[in-house]
Amino acid sequence: MMDIHRILQRLPHRYPILLVDRVIELEKGVRIKALKNVTINEPYFVGHFPHRPVMPGVLMLEALAQAAALLSFETMGLQLDDDVVYYFAGINNARFKRPVEPGDQLTLEIELERTRSGVSKYRGRASVGDELAVEAELMCAMRRITQ
């Protein structure tokens, strides 16, 4: 549904912080399903942890937030713009259920719950195969940067 080239047109993130590789389902204003391929080449694996590489939980949450941003940008029909930033406004009830390791494919699923005053609330979950890795409620705010 959305390859890496289209993702790069929508998100301002670039290596090493771009954490969405492909969107496989998108229902505007409702939900998105995306993929993050986790490889040993990720820079954080050098130190987290050298003897047993594990994807940091905060980066799993960031991947969910990037998928949420893609859903919002597509829903609103917005193009990438140097004057717009999508920030975390809150994370609630984050629960980590399984480690994510090199070679895993993280399936990111986001449902939009509501949007008010430029702040959107989402329910997110990321899985490896049929196993839940993380779930959380996310709030994100789109803000226009003024110079």
N, C-alpha and C. Protein backbone atom coordinates (compact mmCIF):
# COMPACT_ATOMS: atom_id res chain seq x y z
N MET A 1 0.82 -1.20 0.00
CA MET A 1 0.00 0.00 0.00
C MET A 1 0.86 1.27 0.00
N MET A 2 1.98 1.24 0.75
CA MET A 2 2.88 2.39 0.76
C MET A 2 4.31 1.86 0.90
N ASP A 3 5.14 2.08 -0.12
CA ASP A 3 6.52 1.60 -0.04
C ASP A 3 7.41 2.66 0.61
N ILE A 4 8.69 2.35 0.72
CA ILE A 4 9.62 3.24 1.42
C ILE A 4 9.72 4.61 0.75
N HIS A 5 9.56 4.67 -0.56
CA HIS A 5 9.66 5.95 -1.26
C HIS A 5 8.51 6.88 -0.86
N ARG A 6 7.33 6.33 -0.74
CA ARG A 6 6.17 7.13 -0.32
C ARG A 6 6.28 7.51 1.16
N ILE A 7 6.80 6.59 1.98
CA ILE A 7 7.01 6.88 3.41
C ILE A 7 7.97 8.06 3.55
N LEU A 8 9.04 8.06 2.78
CA LEU A 8 10.01 9.17 2.83
C LEU A 8 9.40 10.50 2.41
N GLN A 9 8.36 10.46 1.58
CA GLN A 9 7.66 11.68 1.18
C GLN A 9 6.75 12.18 2.30
N ARG A 10 6.34 11.30 3.21
CA ARG A 10 5.40 11.65 4.27
C ARG A 10 6.06 11.97 5.60
N LEU A 11 7.12 11.24 5.95
CA LEU A 11 7.78 11.43 7.25
C LEU A 11 9.09 12.19 7.11
N PRO A 12 9.41 13.05 8.08
CA PRO A 12 10.68 13.77 8.04
C PRO A 12 11.85 12.93 8.54
N HIS A 13 11.60 11.79 9.14
CA HIS A 13 12.65 10.95 9.72
C HIS A 13 13.53 10.33 8.64
N ARG A 14 14.79 10.18 8.97
CA ARG A 14 15.76 9.53 8.09
C ARG A 14 16.64 8.62 8.93
N TYR A 15 17.47 7.83 8.27
CA TYR A 15 18.39 6.94 8.97
C TYR A 15 19.18 7.76 9.99
N PRO A 16 19.36 7.26 11.19
CA PRO A 16 19.01 5.93 11.70
C PRO A 16 17.69 5.89 12.47
N ILE A 17 16.86 6.93 12.39
CA ILE A 17 15.65 6.97 13.22
C ILE A 17 14.38 6.65 12.44
N LEU A 18 14.43 6.50 11.13
CA LEU A 18 13.25 6.08 10.39
C LEU A 18 12.97 4.62 10.71
N LEU A 19 11.81 4.32 11.27
CA LEU A 19 11.53 2.99 11.80
C LEU A 19 10.31 2.32 11.18
N VAL A 20 9.89 2.78 10.01
CA VAL A 20 8.80 2.14 9.27
C VAL A 20 9.32 1.85 7.87
N ASP A 21 9.24 0.57 7.46
CA ASP A 21 9.76 0.17 6.15
C ASP A 21 8.68 0.05 5.08
N ARG A 22 7.45 -0.28 5.50
CA ARG A 22 6.38 -0.49 4.52
C ARG A 22 5.04 -0.39 5.23
N VAL A 23 4.05 0.15 4.55
CA VAL A 23 2.68 0.15 5.04
C VAL A 23 1.93 -0.90 4.22
N ILE A 24 1.26 -1.83 4.91
CA ILE A 24 0.58 -2.90 4.18
C ILE A 24 -0.94 -2.73 4.19
N GLU A 25 -1.46 -1.94 5.13
CA GLU A 25 -2.90 -1.64 5.16
C GLU A 25 -3.08 -0.23 5.71
N LEU A 26 -4.02 0.50 5.15
CA LEU A 26 -4.33 1.84 5.66
C LEU A 26 -5.79 2.15 5.36
N GLU A 27 -6.51 2.48 6.39
CA GLU A 27 -7.89 2.92 6.27
C GLU A 27 -7.92 4.33 6.85
N LYS A 28 -7.99 5.34 5.99
CA LYS A 28 -7.91 6.73 6.42
C LYS A 28 -8.87 7.02 7.57
N GLY A 29 -8.32 7.69 8.58
CA GLY A 29 -9.12 8.09 9.73
C GLY A 29 -9.46 6.96 10.69
N VAL A 30 -8.95 5.74 10.40
CA VAL A 30 -9.33 4.59 11.22
C VAL A 30 -8.11 3.81 11.73
N ARG A 31 -7.31 3.27 10.79
CA ARG A 31 -6.22 2.39 11.23
C ARG A 31 -5.13 2.27 10.17
N ILE A 32 -3.97 1.76 10.63
CA ILE A 32 -2.85 1.50 9.74
C ILE A 32 -2.13 0.25 10.24
N LYS A 33 -1.57 -0.49 9.30
CA LYS A 33 -0.74 -1.66 9.62
C LYS A 33 0.54 -1.50 8.81
N ALA A 34 1.68 -1.51 9.50
CA ALA A 34 2.96 -1.26 8.85
C ALA A 34 4.00 -2.26 9.35
N LEU A 35 5.15 -2.28 8.67
CA LEU A 35 6.22 -3.21 9.02
C LEU A 35 7.51 -2.49 9.32
N LYS A 36 8.26 -3.02 10.28
CA LYS A 36 9.64 -2.61 10.57
C LYS A 36 10.47 -3.88 10.54
N ASN A 37 11.39 -3.95 9.61
CA ASN A 37 12.31 -5.09 9.55
C ASN A 37 13.50 -4.78 10.45
N VAL A 38 13.72 -5.63 11.43
CA VAL A 38 14.77 -5.40 12.42
C VAL A 38 16.01 -6.18 11.99
N THR A 39 17.12 -5.46 11.75
CA THR A 39 18.35 -6.11 11.29
C THR A 39 19.49 -5.86 12.27
N ILE A 40 20.48 -6.71 12.21
CA ILE A 40 21.65 -6.57 13.08
C ILE A 40 22.43 -5.30 12.77
N ASN A 41 22.19 -4.69 11.61
CA ASN A 41 22.89 -3.47 11.21
C ASN A 41 22.36 -2.22 11.90
N GLU A 42 21.30 -2.33 12.69
CA GLU A 42 20.76 -1.16 13.41
C GLU A 42 21.85 -0.66 14.37
N PRO A 43 22.11 0.65 14.40
CA PRO A 43 23.23 1.17 15.20
C PRO A 43 23.09 0.93 16.70
N TYR A 44 21.88 0.85 17.23
CA TYR A 44 21.71 0.68 18.67
C TYR A 44 22.10 -0.70 19.16
N PHE A 45 22.18 -1.70 18.27
CA PHE A 45 22.54 -3.05 18.72
C PHE A 45 23.98 -3.15 19.19
N VAL A 46 24.83 -2.21 18.79
CA VAL A 46 26.23 -2.23 19.23
C VAL A 46 26.30 -2.16 20.76
N GLY A 47 25.41 -1.39 21.37
CA GLY A 47 25.46 -1.23 22.82
C GLY A 47 24.26 -1.77 23.57
N HIS A 48 23.26 -2.31 22.85
CA HIS A 48 22.01 -2.72 23.52
C HIS A 48 21.59 -4.12 23.05
N PHE A 49 22.11 -5.12 23.40
CA PHE A 49 23.26 -5.38 24.27
C PHE A 49 24.26 -6.19 23.46
N PRO A 50 25.56 -5.94 23.61
CA PRO A 50 26.55 -6.61 22.76
C PRO A 50 26.45 -8.14 22.80
N HIS A 51 26.15 -8.70 23.95
CA HIS A 51 26.09 -10.16 24.07
C HIS A 51 24.71 -10.74 23.72
N ARG A 52 23.67 -9.90 23.67
CA ARG A 52 22.31 -10.35 23.34
C ARG A 52 21.54 -9.15 22.79
N PRO A 53 21.65 -8.86 21.49
CA PRO A 53 21.03 -7.66 20.92
C PRO A 53 19.50 -7.66 21.08
N VAL A 54 18.97 -6.56 21.62
CA VAL A 54 17.53 -6.39 21.82
C VAL A 54 17.15 -4.97 21.40
N MET A 55 16.07 -4.84 20.63
CA MET A 55 15.59 -3.51 20.22
C MET A 55 15.08 -2.76 21.45
N PRO A 56 15.57 -1.54 21.69
CA PRO A 56 15.09 -0.77 22.85
C PRO A 56 13.58 -0.51 22.78
N GLY A 57 12.93 -0.62 23.93
CA GLY A 57 11.49 -0.40 24.01
C GLY A 57 11.08 0.97 23.53
N VAL A 58 11.88 1.98 23.82
CA VAL A 58 11.52 3.33 23.38
C VAL A 58 11.50 3.43 21.86
N LEU A 59 12.32 2.64 21.18
CA LEU A 59 12.30 2.66 19.71
C LEU A 59 11.11 1.90 19.15
N MET A 60 10.63 0.90 19.88
CA MET A 60 9.39 0.24 19.46
C MET A 60 8.24 1.23 19.56
N LEU A 61 8.22 2.02 20.63
CA LEU A 61 7.18 3.05 20.77
C LEU A 61 7.32 4.12 19.70
N GLU A 62 8.55 4.49 19.37
CA GLU A 62 8.78 5.47 18.31
C GLU A 62 8.29 4.93 16.97
N ALA A 63 8.52 3.65 16.70
CA ALA A 63 8.02 3.05 15.46
C ALA A 63 6.50 3.13 15.39
N LEU A 64 5.84 2.87 16.51
CA LEU A 64 4.37 3.00 16.56
C LEU A 64 3.96 4.45 16.30
N ALA A 65 4.67 5.40 16.88
CA ALA A 65 4.34 6.82 16.68
C ALA A 65 4.54 7.23 15.21
N GLN A 66 5.57 6.70 14.56
CA GLN A 66 5.78 7.02 13.15
C GLN A 66 4.65 6.45 12.29
N ALA A 67 4.19 5.25 12.62
CA ALA A 67 3.04 4.68 11.90
C ALA A 67 1.80 5.55 12.13
N ALA A 68 1.62 6.03 13.37
CA ALA A 68 0.50 6.92 13.68
C ALA A 68 0.59 8.21 12.87
N ALA A 69 1.78 8.75 12.73
CA ALA A 69 1.97 9.96 11.95
C ALA A 69 1.60 9.72 10.48
N LEU A 70 2.00 8.57 9.95
CA LEU A 70 1.63 8.24 8.57
C LEU A 70 0.12 8.18 8.40
N LEU A 71 -0.56 7.58 9.37
CA LEU A 71 -2.02 7.52 9.33
C LEU A 71 -2.61 8.93 9.33
N SER A 72 -2.10 9.78 10.20
CA SER A 72 -2.62 11.14 10.30
C SER A 72 -2.34 11.95 9.04
N PHE A 73 -1.11 11.88 8.52
CA PHE A 73 -0.77 12.63 7.31
C PHE A 73 -1.63 12.17 6.13
N GLU A 74 -1.84 10.85 5.99
CA GLU A 74 -2.67 10.34 4.91
C GLU A 74 -4.13 10.75 5.10
N THR A 75 -4.62 10.68 6.33
CA THR A 75 -6.00 11.04 6.62
C THR A 75 -6.27 12.50 6.27
N MET A 76 -5.32 13.38 6.61
CA MET A 76 -5.50 14.81 6.37
C MET A 76 -5.03 15.24 4.98
N GLY A 77 -4.42 14.32 4.23
CA GLY A 77 -3.93 14.66 2.90
C GLY A 77 -2.77 15.63 2.92
N LEU A 78 -1.95 15.58 3.97
CA LEU A 78 -0.82 16.51 4.10
C LEU A 78 0.44 15.94 3.48
N GLN A 79 1.22 16.81 2.86
CA GLN A 79 2.53 16.46 2.35
C GLN A 79 3.59 16.86 3.37
N LEU A 80 4.75 16.23 3.28
CA LEU A 80 5.87 16.58 4.15
C LEU A 80 6.22 18.04 3.95
N ASP A 81 6.43 18.74 5.04
CA ASP A 81 6.63 20.18 5.03
C ASP A 81 7.63 20.50 6.14
N ASP A 82 8.64 21.30 5.85
CA ASP A 82 9.64 21.65 6.85
C ASP A 82 9.05 22.44 8.02
N ASP A 83 7.83 22.93 7.87
CA ASP A 83 7.21 23.74 8.92
C ASP A 83 6.27 22.93 9.83
N VAL A 84 6.13 21.63 9.58
CA VAL A 84 5.23 20.81 10.39
C VAL A 84 6.01 19.69 11.07
N VAL A 85 5.80 19.53 12.36
CA VAL A 85 6.44 18.46 13.13
C VAL A 85 5.35 17.71 13.89
N TYR A 86 5.52 16.41 14.00
CA TYR A 86 4.57 15.56 14.71
C TYR A 86 5.27 15.09 15.98
N TYR A 87 4.82 15.59 17.14
CA TYR A 87 5.46 15.30 18.42
C TYR A 87 4.68 14.30 19.24
N PHE A 88 5.40 13.55 20.09
CA PHE A 88 4.75 12.77 21.14
C PHE A 88 4.14 13.75 22.13
N ALA A 89 2.90 13.52 22.54
CA ALA A 89 2.27 14.34 23.59
C ALA A 89 2.04 13.49 24.84
N GLY A 90 2.08 12.17 24.68
CA GLY A 90 1.90 11.30 25.84
C GLY A 90 1.95 9.84 25.46
N ILE A 91 2.34 9.03 26.43
CA ILE A 91 2.34 7.58 26.29
C ILE A 91 1.73 7.03 27.57
N ASN A 92 0.69 6.24 27.44
CA ASN A 92 0.05 5.64 28.61
C ASN A 92 -0.03 4.13 28.44
N ASN A 93 0.02 3.46 29.59
CA ASN A 93 -0.20 2.01 29.64
C ASN A 93 0.69 1.22 28.69
N ALA A 94 1.95 1.64 28.56
CA ALA A 94 2.89 0.89 27.72
C ALA A 94 3.27 -0.40 28.44
N ARG A 95 3.17 -1.50 27.72
CA ARG A 95 3.51 -2.81 28.26
C ARG A 95 4.36 -3.56 27.24
N PHE A 96 5.50 -4.03 27.70
CA PHE A 96 6.41 -4.78 26.84
C PHE A 96 6.27 -6.26 27.15
N LYS A 97 5.95 -7.04 26.13
CA LYS A 97 5.59 -8.43 26.34
C LYS A 97 6.64 -9.44 25.86
N ARG A 98 7.50 -9.00 24.94
CA ARG A 98 8.50 -9.91 24.40
C ARG A 98 9.64 -9.10 23.82
N PRO A 99 10.88 -9.60 23.93
CA PRO A 99 12.00 -8.88 23.31
C PRO A 99 11.93 -8.97 21.79
N VAL A 100 12.45 -7.95 21.14
CA VAL A 100 12.53 -7.92 19.67
C VAL A 100 14.01 -7.95 19.33
N GLU A 101 14.37 -8.92 18.47
CA GLU A 101 15.77 -9.18 18.18
C GLU A 101 16.04 -9.06 16.68
N PRO A 102 17.34 -8.96 16.31
CA PRO A 102 17.67 -8.93 14.89
C PRO A 102 17.06 -10.14 14.17
N GLY A 103 16.53 -9.88 12.98
CA GLY A 103 15.87 -10.92 12.19
C GLY A 103 14.37 -10.92 12.35
N ASP A 104 13.86 -10.25 13.40
CA ASP A 104 12.42 -10.16 13.60
C ASP A 104 11.81 -9.15 12.65
N GLN A 105 10.55 -9.37 12.31
CA GLN A 105 9.78 -8.37 11.58
C GLN A 105 8.67 -7.89 12.51
N LEU A 106 8.72 -6.62 12.83
CA LEU A 106 7.76 -6.01 13.75
C LEU A 106 6.56 -5.51 12.95
N THR A 107 5.39 -6.03 13.27
CA THR A 107 4.16 -5.58 12.64
C THR A 107 3.53 -4.53 13.54
N LEU A 108 3.40 -3.32 13.02
CA LEU A 108 2.90 -2.17 13.77
C LEU A 108 1.43 -1.95 13.43
N GLU A 109 0.58 -1.91 14.44
CA GLU A 109 -0.85 -1.69 14.20
C GLU A 109 -1.32 -0.53 15.07
N ILE A 110 -1.92 0.45 14.42
CA ILE A 110 -2.40 1.66 15.08
C ILE A 110 -3.86 1.85 14.75
N GLU A 111 -4.64 2.19 15.78
CA GLU A 111 -6.04 2.59 15.58
C GLU A 111 -6.20 4.00 16.12
N LEU A 112 -6.78 4.87 15.31
CA LEU A 112 -7.07 6.24 15.74
C LEU A 112 -8.31 6.23 16.61
N GLU A 113 -8.19 6.74 17.84
CA GLU A 113 -9.34 6.78 18.73
C GLU A 113 -10.07 8.11 18.64
N ARG A 114 -9.30 9.21 18.61
CA ARG A 114 -9.94 10.52 18.47
C ARG A 114 -8.89 11.59 18.19
N THR A 115 -9.37 12.72 17.67
CA THR A 115 -8.53 13.90 17.45
C THR A 115 -9.29 15.11 17.96
N ARG A 116 -8.63 15.90 18.80
CA ARG A 116 -9.19 17.15 19.31
C ARG A 116 -8.09 18.19 19.42
N SER A 117 -8.37 19.38 18.94
CA SER A 117 -7.44 20.51 19.05
C SER A 117 -6.04 20.17 18.57
N GLY A 118 -5.94 19.39 17.50
CA GLY A 118 -4.64 19.06 16.94
C GLY A 118 -3.90 17.95 17.66
N VAL A 119 -4.50 17.34 18.68
CA VAL A 119 -3.88 16.23 19.40
C VAL A 119 -4.70 14.97 19.11
N SER A 120 -4.00 13.93 18.67
CA SER A 120 -4.66 12.66 18.33
C SER A 120 -4.29 11.60 19.34
N LYS A 121 -5.26 10.75 19.65
CA LYS A 121 -5.02 9.64 20.56
C LYS A 121 -5.16 8.35 19.77
N TYR A 122 -4.20 7.45 19.98
CA TYR A 122 -4.14 6.18 19.25
C TYR A 122 -3.99 5.02 20.22
N ARG A 123 -4.44 3.87 19.78
CA ARG A 123 -4.14 2.61 20.46
C ARG A 123 -3.19 1.88 19.53
N GLY A 124 -2.02 1.50 20.07
CA GLY A 124 -1.01 0.85 19.24
C GLY A 124 -0.56 -0.47 19.81
N ARG A 125 -0.16 -1.35 18.90
CA ARG A 125 0.42 -2.62 19.31
C ARG A 125 1.40 -3.05 18.23
N ALA A 126 2.47 -3.70 18.66
CA ALA A 126 3.46 -4.23 17.73
C ALA A 126 3.68 -5.69 18.07
N SER A 127 3.73 -6.51 17.03
CA SER A 127 3.86 -7.95 17.21
C SER A 127 4.97 -8.50 16.33
N VAL A 128 5.50 -9.64 16.75
CA VAL A 128 6.41 -10.43 15.93
C VAL A 128 5.67 -11.74 15.67
N GLY A 129 5.26 -11.93 14.44
CA GLY A 129 4.41 -13.07 14.14
C GLY A 129 3.11 -12.93 14.92
N ASP A 130 2.74 -13.96 15.65
CA ASP A 130 1.52 -13.93 16.45
C ASP A 130 1.77 -13.49 17.89
N GLU A 131 3.02 -13.13 18.21
CA GLU A 131 3.37 -12.77 19.58
C GLU A 131 3.39 -11.25 19.78
N LEU A 132 2.63 -10.77 20.73
CA LEU A 132 2.60 -9.35 21.06
C LEU A 132 3.94 -8.95 21.68
N ALA A 133 4.55 -7.89 21.16
CA ALA A 133 5.82 -7.39 21.69
C ALA A 133 5.59 -6.18 22.59
N VAL A 134 4.71 -5.26 22.17
CA VAL A 134 4.44 -4.04 22.95
C VAL A 134 3.04 -3.54 22.61
N GLU A 135 2.41 -2.94 23.61
CA GLU A 135 1.14 -2.25 23.38
C GLU A 135 1.16 -0.97 24.20
N ALA A 136 0.47 0.05 23.71
CA ALA A 136 0.44 1.34 24.41
C ALA A 136 -0.65 2.22 23.83
N GLU A 137 -1.04 3.21 24.64
CA GLU A 137 -1.88 4.30 24.16
C GLU A 137 -0.94 5.46 23.89
N LEU A 138 -1.06 6.05 22.71
CA LEU A 138 -0.17 7.14 22.30
C LEU A 138 -0.98 8.39 22.04
N MET A 139 -0.42 9.51 22.40
CA MET A 139 -0.99 10.80 22.01
C MET A 139 0.09 11.57 21.27
N CYS A 140 -0.28 12.12 20.13
CA CYS A 140 0.67 12.87 19.31
C CYS A 140 0.02 14.17 18.88
N ALA A 141 0.86 15.18 18.73
CA ALA A 141 0.37 16.51 18.34
C ALA A 141 1.13 17.00 17.12
N MET A 142 0.38 17.48 16.14
CA MET A 142 0.97 18.09 14.97
C MET A 142 1.09 19.58 15.22
N ARG A 143 2.27 20.11 15.05
CA ARG A 143 2.49 21.53 15.31
C ARG A 143 3.22 22.16 14.15
N ARG A 144 2.81 23.37 13.82
CA ARG A 144 3.49 24.15 12.79
C ARG A 144 4.58 24.96 13.47
N ILE A 145 5.80 24.86 12.92
CA ILE A 145 6.93 25.59 13.46
C ILE A 145 6.93 26.99 12.87
N THR A 146 7.03 27.97 13.72
CA THR A 146 7.11 29.36 13.23
C THR A 146 8.53 29.84 13.44
N GLN A 147 9.05 30.49 12.44
CA GLN A 147 10.46 30.96 12.49
C GLN A 147 10.58 32.26 13.22
